[in-house]
């Protein structure tokens, strides 16, 4: 391969990678979707957050026949963007800001702290073999 052809291939690969980065960082118009839940929740089986229709649910699939939904509050578009009002029973959590992108959802608290919920790759319940053989973070 000649030096010139190698440069063209290198530039083309760079442009594609840059395009992917821009696409993943681009802000979405809505946080609707499924997001990987934190392993520290301590739920058994397959679990994830579902943002749909203004409601946030923690979906827990304990086995092939048992799926439960736990309400985690509501989200809406405010003057400063998307917000999530957590509702955990008797404990009212602060309203947090949401910044959706193709890669996931940035959640920012009033005190300046934040965390990131990565978009879930699999839209349904993962098969048992996948839960047994893949690391937790691969969803």
N, C-alpha and C. Protein backbone atom coordinates (compact mmCIF):
# COMPACT_ATOMS: atom_id res chain seq x y z
N UNK A 1 0.85 -1.18 0.00
CA UNK A 1 0.00 0.00 0.00
C UNK A 1 0.89 1.24 0.00
N UNK A 2 0.59 2.15 -0.86
CA UNK A 2 1.42 3.34 -0.97
C UNK A 2 1.14 4.29 0.18
N UNK A 3 2.07 5.20 0.34
CA UNK A 3 1.96 6.19 1.43
C UNK A 3 0.69 7.02 1.27
N UNK A 4 0.38 7.42 0.05
CA UNK A 4 -0.80 8.26 -0.20
C UNK A 4 -2.10 7.49 0.11
N UNK A 5 -2.18 6.24 -0.31
CA UNK A 5 -3.37 5.44 -0.06
C UNK A 5 -3.55 5.21 1.44
N UNK A 6 -2.46 4.99 2.15
CA UNK A 6 -2.53 4.81 3.60
C UNK A 6 -3.07 6.06 4.28
N UNK A 7 -2.66 7.22 3.81
CA UNK A 7 -3.17 8.48 4.38
C UNK A 7 -4.66 8.63 4.15
N UNK A 8 -5.12 8.30 2.94
CA UNK A 8 -6.54 8.41 2.63
C UNK A 8 -7.35 7.47 3.51
N UNK A 9 -6.88 6.23 3.69
CA UNK A 9 -7.57 5.27 4.55
C UNK A 9 -7.58 5.77 5.99
N UNK A 10 -6.46 6.29 6.46
CA UNK A 10 -6.38 6.82 7.82
C UNK A 10 -7.33 7.98 8.05
N UNK A 11 -7.41 8.89 7.09
CA UNK A 11 -8.31 10.03 7.20
C UNK A 11 -9.77 9.56 7.17
N UNK A 12 -10.09 8.60 6.32
CA UNK A 12 -11.46 8.08 6.25
C UNK A 12 -11.87 7.44 7.56
N UNK A 13 -10.99 6.65 8.15
CA UNK A 13 -11.28 6.03 9.44
C UNK A 13 -11.46 7.10 10.51
N UNK A 14 -10.62 8.12 10.50
CA UNK A 14 -10.73 9.21 11.46
C UNK A 14 -12.05 9.96 11.34
N UNK A 15 -12.50 10.20 10.11
CA UNK A 15 -13.76 10.90 9.89
C UNK A 15 -14.93 10.07 10.39
N UNK A 16 -14.89 8.77 10.14
CA UNK A 16 -15.97 7.89 10.62
C UNK A 16 -16.00 7.89 12.15
N UNK A 17 -14.84 7.75 12.79
CA UNK A 17 -14.79 7.75 14.26
C UNK A 17 -15.26 9.08 14.83
N UNK A 18 -14.85 10.17 14.23
CA UNK A 18 -15.28 11.49 14.69
C UNK A 18 -16.80 11.64 14.53
N UNK A 19 -17.35 11.15 13.42
CA UNK A 19 -18.79 11.19 13.21
C UNK A 19 -19.54 10.40 14.27
N UNK A 20 -19.01 9.22 14.64
CA UNK A 20 -19.64 8.42 15.70
C UNK A 20 -19.61 9.13 17.03
N UNK A 21 -18.50 9.76 17.37
CA UNK A 21 -18.40 10.49 18.63
C UNK A 21 -19.40 11.65 18.67
N UNK A 22 -19.49 12.39 17.59
CA UNK A 22 -20.44 13.51 17.53
C UNK A 22 -21.87 13.00 17.63
N UNK A 23 -22.16 11.92 16.93
CA UNK A 23 -23.51 11.35 16.96
C UNK A 23 -23.89 10.88 18.36
N UNK A 24 -22.97 10.23 19.07
CA UNK A 24 -23.26 9.74 20.42
C UNK A 24 -23.38 10.88 21.43
N UNK A 25 -22.66 11.97 21.20
CA UNK A 25 -22.70 13.10 22.14
C UNK A 25 -23.86 14.05 21.86
N UNK A 26 -24.45 13.94 20.68
CA UNK A 26 -25.55 14.85 20.31
C UNK A 26 -26.72 14.67 21.27
N UNK A 27 -27.31 15.77 21.64
CA UNK A 27 -28.43 15.73 22.57
C UNK A 27 -29.68 15.23 21.87
N UNK A 28 -30.42 14.39 22.54
CA UNK A 28 -31.68 13.87 22.01
C UNK A 28 -32.81 14.77 22.43
N UNK A 29 -33.94 14.64 21.74
CA UNK A 29 -35.07 15.49 22.06
C UNK A 29 -35.87 14.99 23.26
N UNK A 30 -35.66 13.73 23.67
CA UNK A 30 -36.40 13.16 24.79
C UNK A 30 -35.57 12.07 25.48
N UNK A 31 -35.75 11.89 26.78
CA UNK A 31 -35.04 10.82 27.47
C UNK A 31 -35.70 9.46 27.34
N UNK A 32 -36.78 9.34 26.55
CA UNK A 32 -37.46 8.06 26.41
C UNK A 32 -36.47 6.96 26.02
N UNK A 33 -36.58 5.81 26.70
CA UNK A 33 -35.73 4.68 26.38
C UNK A 33 -35.40 3.84 27.59
N UNK A 34 -34.52 2.88 27.39
CA UNK A 34 -34.08 1.96 28.45
C UNK A 34 -32.63 2.27 28.81
N UNK A 35 -32.33 2.21 30.12
CA UNK A 35 -31.00 2.55 30.60
C UNK A 35 -30.51 1.50 31.59
N UNK A 36 -29.22 1.26 31.55
CA UNK A 36 -28.59 0.29 32.45
C UNK A 36 -28.71 0.80 33.88
N UNK A 37 -29.21 -0.03 34.78
CA UNK A 37 -29.34 0.32 36.19
C UNK A 37 -28.06 -0.05 36.92
N UNK A 38 -27.78 0.63 38.00
CA UNK A 38 -26.56 0.42 38.78
C UNK A 38 -26.62 -0.91 39.52
N UNK A 39 -25.53 -1.65 39.49
CA UNK A 39 -25.45 -2.94 40.16
C UNK A 39 -25.64 -2.80 41.67
N UNK A 40 -25.39 -1.62 42.22
CA UNK A 40 -25.54 -1.40 43.66
C UNK A 40 -26.99 -1.42 44.13
N UNK A 41 -27.93 -1.48 43.19
CA UNK A 41 -29.35 -1.59 43.59
C UNK A 41 -29.62 -2.87 44.34
N UNK A 42 -28.86 -3.90 44.02
CA UNK A 42 -29.02 -5.18 44.71
C UNK A 42 -30.20 -5.99 44.25
N UNK A 43 -30.74 -5.70 43.08
CA UNK A 43 -31.86 -6.48 42.55
C UNK A 43 -31.35 -7.80 41.98
N UNK A 44 -32.18 -8.83 42.05
CA UNK A 44 -31.82 -10.12 41.50
C UNK A 44 -32.35 -10.22 40.07
N UNK A 45 -31.61 -10.88 39.20
CA UNK A 45 -32.04 -11.07 37.82
C UNK A 45 -31.61 -9.93 36.93
N UNK A 46 -32.41 -9.68 35.91
CA UNK A 46 -32.14 -8.64 34.92
C UNK A 46 -32.94 -7.40 35.29
N UNK A 47 -32.33 -6.23 35.33
CA UNK A 47 -33.04 -5.02 35.72
C UNK A 47 -32.49 -3.81 34.98
N UNK A 48 -33.38 -2.84 34.77
CA UNK A 48 -33.02 -1.63 34.03
C UNK A 48 -34.07 -0.56 34.29
N UNK A 49 -33.69 0.70 33.98
CA UNK A 49 -34.63 1.82 34.06
C UNK A 49 -35.34 1.96 32.72
N UNK A 50 -36.65 2.25 32.78
CA UNK A 50 -37.41 2.53 31.57
C UNK A 50 -38.04 3.90 31.71
N UNK A 51 -37.68 4.81 30.81
CA UNK A 51 -38.27 6.14 30.73
C UNK A 51 -39.25 6.11 29.57
N UNK A 52 -40.56 6.23 29.88
CA UNK A 52 -41.56 6.16 28.82
C UNK A 52 -42.82 6.89 29.26
N UNK A 53 -43.32 7.75 28.38
CA UNK A 53 -44.59 8.43 28.62
C UNK A 53 -44.61 9.30 29.87
N UNK A 54 -43.47 9.89 30.23
CA UNK A 54 -43.41 10.76 31.40
C UNK A 54 -43.21 10.04 32.72
N UNK A 55 -43.12 8.71 32.69
CA UNK A 55 -42.92 7.93 33.92
C UNK A 55 -41.59 7.20 33.88
N UNK A 56 -41.00 7.03 35.06
CA UNK A 56 -39.75 6.28 35.18
C UNK A 56 -40.02 5.05 36.03
N UNK A 57 -39.70 3.89 35.48
CA UNK A 57 -39.87 2.63 36.21
C UNK A 57 -38.54 1.89 36.28
N UNK A 58 -38.34 1.21 37.39
CA UNK A 58 -37.25 0.25 37.49
C UNK A 58 -37.88 -1.10 37.17
N UNK A 59 -37.49 -1.71 36.06
CA UNK A 59 -38.05 -2.98 35.62
C UNK A 59 -37.12 -4.09 36.11
N UNK A 60 -37.67 -5.05 36.84
CA UNK A 60 -36.88 -6.17 37.38
C UNK A 60 -37.47 -7.47 36.84
N UNK A 61 -36.65 -8.20 36.08
CA UNK A 61 -37.04 -9.52 35.54
C UNK A 61 -36.30 -10.57 36.36
N UNK A 62 -36.95 -11.11 37.37
CA UNK A 62 -36.29 -12.07 38.25
C UNK A 62 -36.05 -13.40 37.57
N UNK A 63 -37.00 -13.85 36.77
CA UNK A 63 -36.83 -15.07 35.99
C UNK A 63 -37.69 -14.94 34.73
N UNK A 64 -37.80 -16.01 33.95
CA UNK A 64 -38.51 -15.95 32.67
C UNK A 64 -39.99 -15.62 32.82
N UNK A 65 -40.58 -15.84 33.99
CA UNK A 65 -42.01 -15.63 34.16
C UNK A 65 -42.37 -14.47 35.09
N UNK A 66 -41.41 -13.93 35.79
CA UNK A 66 -41.69 -12.91 36.80
C UNK A 66 -41.02 -11.57 36.45
N UNK A 67 -41.84 -10.57 36.14
CA UNK A 67 -41.35 -9.22 35.88
C UNK A 67 -42.13 -8.25 36.73
N UNK A 68 -41.42 -7.37 37.43
CA UNK A 68 -42.10 -6.36 38.24
C UNK A 68 -41.60 -4.97 37.86
N UNK A 69 -42.45 -3.98 38.10
CA UNK A 69 -42.11 -2.59 37.82
C UNK A 69 -42.24 -1.79 39.11
N UNK A 70 -41.21 -1.06 39.43
CA UNK A 70 -41.21 -0.20 40.60
C UNK A 70 -41.14 1.24 40.12
N UNK A 71 -42.10 2.05 40.52
CA UNK A 71 -42.13 3.44 40.09
C UNK A 71 -40.97 4.22 40.71
N UNK A 72 -40.26 4.94 39.85
CA UNK A 72 -39.13 5.76 40.31
C UNK A 72 -39.41 7.24 40.10
N UNK A 73 -40.68 7.59 39.86
CA UNK A 73 -41.04 8.99 39.71
C UNK A 73 -41.49 9.32 38.30
N UNK A 74 -41.44 10.62 38.00
CA UNK A 74 -41.88 11.11 36.70
C UNK A 74 -40.83 12.06 36.13
N UNK A 75 -40.86 12.23 34.81
CA UNK A 75 -39.97 13.19 34.17
C UNK A 75 -40.79 14.08 33.25
N UNK A 76 -40.29 15.29 33.04
CA UNK A 76 -41.00 16.24 32.17
C UNK A 76 -40.01 17.27 31.66
N UNK A 77 -40.44 17.99 30.68
CA UNK A 77 -39.60 19.06 30.12
C UNK A 77 -39.91 20.36 30.84
N UNK A 78 -38.91 20.92 31.47
CA UNK A 78 -39.07 22.18 32.17
C UNK A 78 -38.47 23.33 31.38
N UNK A 79 -38.42 24.49 31.99
CA UNK A 79 -37.88 25.68 31.32
C UNK A 79 -36.39 25.51 31.00
N UNK A 80 -35.66 24.78 31.86
CA UNK A 80 -34.22 24.59 31.67
C UNK A 80 -33.88 23.25 31.05
N UNK A 81 -34.86 22.53 30.54
CA UNK A 81 -34.62 21.21 29.95
C UNK A 81 -35.39 20.14 30.70
N UNK A 82 -34.96 18.91 30.55
CA UNK A 82 -35.65 17.76 31.15
C UNK A 82 -35.33 17.63 32.62
N UNK A 83 -36.35 17.29 33.43
CA UNK A 83 -36.16 17.08 34.86
C UNK A 83 -36.83 15.76 35.27
N UNK A 84 -36.28 15.15 36.31
CA UNK A 84 -36.78 13.89 36.86
C UNK A 84 -37.12 14.13 38.32
N UNK A 85 -38.39 13.98 38.67
CA UNK A 85 -38.84 14.12 40.06
C UNK A 85 -38.94 12.72 40.64
N UNK A 86 -37.94 12.35 41.44
CA UNK A 86 -37.92 11.03 42.05
C UNK A 86 -38.98 10.92 43.13
N UNK A 87 -39.60 9.78 43.21
CA UNK A 87 -40.58 9.52 44.26
C UNK A 87 -40.31 8.12 44.79
N UNK A 88 -39.76 8.06 45.96
CA UNK A 88 -39.45 6.77 46.56
C UNK A 88 -40.28 6.57 47.83
N UNK A 89 -41.59 6.51 47.63
CA UNK A 89 -42.48 6.30 48.77
C UNK A 89 -42.53 7.51 49.66
N UNK A 90 -42.16 7.33 50.92
CA UNK A 90 -42.20 8.41 51.89
C UNK A 90 -41.06 9.39 51.71
N UNK A 91 -39.99 8.98 51.02
CA UNK A 91 -38.80 9.82 50.86
C UNK A 91 -38.84 10.52 49.52
N UNK A 92 -39.04 11.82 49.54
CA UNK A 92 -39.04 12.61 48.33
C UNK A 92 -37.61 13.05 48.04
N UNK A 93 -37.11 12.63 46.90
CA UNK A 93 -35.76 13.01 46.48
C UNK A 93 -35.83 14.35 45.76
N UNK A 94 -34.69 15.03 45.62
CA UNK A 94 -34.72 16.31 44.91
C UNK A 94 -35.00 16.10 43.42
N UNK A 95 -35.52 17.14 42.79
CA UNK A 95 -35.72 17.11 41.35
C UNK A 95 -34.33 17.24 40.71
N UNK A 96 -34.04 16.35 39.76
CA UNK A 96 -32.73 16.36 39.12
C UNK A 96 -32.89 16.68 37.64
N UNK A 97 -31.84 17.25 37.06
CA UNK A 97 -31.86 17.60 35.64
C UNK A 97 -31.37 16.41 34.83
N UNK A 98 -31.96 16.24 33.65
CA UNK A 98 -31.59 15.16 32.73
C UNK A 98 -31.05 15.76 31.44
N UNK A 99 -30.00 15.15 30.95
CA UNK A 99 -29.47 15.56 29.64
C UNK A 99 -29.32 14.31 28.78
N UNK A 100 -30.32 14.03 27.93
CA UNK A 100 -30.29 12.81 27.12
C UNK A 100 -29.38 12.93 25.89
N UNK A 101 -28.73 11.84 25.56
CA UNK A 101 -27.95 11.74 24.33
C UNK A 101 -28.13 10.32 23.80
N UNK A 102 -27.60 10.04 22.63
CA UNK A 102 -27.70 8.69 22.09
C UNK A 102 -26.95 7.68 22.96
N UNK A 103 -25.89 8.13 23.62
CA UNK A 103 -25.09 7.23 24.46
C UNK A 103 -25.75 6.94 25.79
N UNK A 104 -26.55 7.87 26.29
CA UNK A 104 -27.17 7.65 27.59
C UNK A 104 -27.79 8.91 28.16
N UNK A 105 -27.87 8.94 29.47
CA UNK A 105 -28.59 9.99 30.16
C UNK A 105 -27.72 10.52 31.31
N UNK A 106 -27.38 11.79 31.26
CA UNK A 106 -26.63 12.42 32.35
C UNK A 106 -27.63 12.97 33.36
N UNK A 107 -27.47 12.55 34.60
CA UNK A 107 -28.37 12.96 35.68
C UNK A 107 -27.58 13.89 36.61
N UNK A 108 -28.05 15.14 36.77
CA UNK A 108 -27.33 16.13 37.58
C UNK A 108 -28.18 16.56 38.76
N UNK A 109 -27.59 16.53 39.96
CA UNK A 109 -28.26 16.92 41.19
C UNK A 109 -28.04 18.40 41.48
N UNK A 110 -28.90 19.01 42.32
CA UNK A 110 -28.75 20.43 42.66
C UNK A 110 -27.41 20.77 43.30
N UNK A 111 -26.78 19.81 44.01
CA UNK A 111 -25.51 20.08 44.67
C UNK A 111 -24.31 20.02 43.71
N UNK A 112 -24.57 19.76 42.43
CA UNK A 112 -23.48 19.72 41.45
C UNK A 112 -22.98 18.32 41.12
N UNK A 113 -23.37 17.33 41.91
CA UNK A 113 -22.94 15.97 41.62
C UNK A 113 -23.78 15.40 40.48
N UNK A 114 -23.26 14.38 39.85
CA UNK A 114 -23.98 13.79 38.73
C UNK A 114 -23.55 12.34 38.52
N UNK A 115 -24.33 11.62 37.73
CA UNK A 115 -23.95 10.28 37.29
C UNK A 115 -24.52 10.07 35.90
N UNK A 116 -24.08 9.00 35.25
CA UNK A 116 -24.46 8.73 33.88
C UNK A 116 -25.13 7.37 33.78
N UNK A 117 -26.30 7.33 33.16
CA UNK A 117 -27.00 6.08 32.88
C UNK A 117 -26.78 5.75 31.41
N UNK A 118 -26.07 4.69 31.13
CA UNK A 118 -25.78 4.28 29.77
C UNK A 118 -27.02 3.65 29.14
N UNK A 119 -27.24 3.93 27.86
CA UNK A 119 -28.36 3.31 27.15
C UNK A 119 -28.18 1.81 27.12
N UNK A 120 -29.27 1.11 27.26
CA UNK A 120 -29.24 -0.35 27.25
C UNK A 120 -29.27 -0.84 25.81
N UNK A 121 -28.38 -1.76 25.48
CA UNK A 121 -28.29 -2.29 24.12
C UNK A 121 -29.41 -3.27 23.81
N UNK A 122 -29.81 -4.07 24.80
CA UNK A 122 -30.86 -5.06 24.62
C UNK A 122 -32.18 -4.49 25.12
N UNK A 123 -33.21 -4.52 24.29
CA UNK A 123 -34.46 -3.88 24.67
C UNK A 123 -35.38 -4.78 25.49
N UNK A 124 -35.18 -6.06 25.47
CA UNK A 124 -36.03 -6.97 26.25
C UNK A 124 -35.26 -7.64 27.36
N UNK A 125 -35.88 -8.61 27.95
CA UNK A 125 -35.24 -9.39 29.01
C UNK A 125 -34.08 -10.17 28.41
N UNK A 126 -32.93 -10.07 29.06
CA UNK A 126 -31.76 -10.82 28.58
C UNK A 126 -31.94 -12.30 28.89
N UNK A 127 -31.49 -13.18 27.99
CA UNK A 127 -31.55 -14.62 28.27
C UNK A 127 -30.68 -14.99 29.47
N UNK A 128 -31.04 -16.07 30.17
CA UNK A 128 -30.28 -16.50 31.34
C UNK A 128 -28.82 -16.76 31.02
N UNK A 129 -28.53 -17.37 29.87
CA UNK A 129 -27.13 -17.65 29.54
C UNK A 129 -26.32 -16.37 29.45
N UNK A 130 -26.94 -15.28 28.99
CA UNK A 130 -26.23 -14.01 28.88
C UNK A 130 -25.94 -13.46 30.27
N UNK A 131 -26.90 -13.56 31.16
CA UNK A 131 -26.70 -13.07 32.53
C UNK A 131 -25.63 -13.88 33.24
N UNK A 132 -25.51 -15.15 32.93
CA UNK A 132 -24.53 -16.00 33.59
C UNK A 132 -23.13 -15.82 33.05
N UNK A 133 -22.99 -15.45 31.76
CA UNK A 133 -21.66 -15.48 31.14
C UNK A 133 -21.07 -14.13 30.75
N UNK A 134 -21.87 -13.08 30.75
CA UNK A 134 -21.35 -11.77 30.39
C UNK A 134 -21.22 -10.90 31.63
N UNK A 135 -20.24 -10.01 31.63
CA UNK A 135 -20.12 -9.09 32.77
C UNK A 135 -21.37 -8.24 32.91
N UNK A 136 -21.68 -7.76 34.11
CA UNK A 136 -22.90 -7.02 34.37
C UNK A 136 -23.03 -5.80 33.46
N UNK A 137 -21.92 -5.10 33.25
CA UNK A 137 -21.97 -3.85 32.50
C UNK A 137 -22.34 -4.02 31.04
N UNK A 138 -22.28 -5.23 30.50
CA UNK A 138 -22.63 -5.45 29.11
C UNK A 138 -24.14 -5.67 29.03
N UNK A 139 -24.87 -4.62 28.75
CA UNK A 139 -26.32 -4.73 28.62
C UNK A 139 -26.70 -4.06 27.35
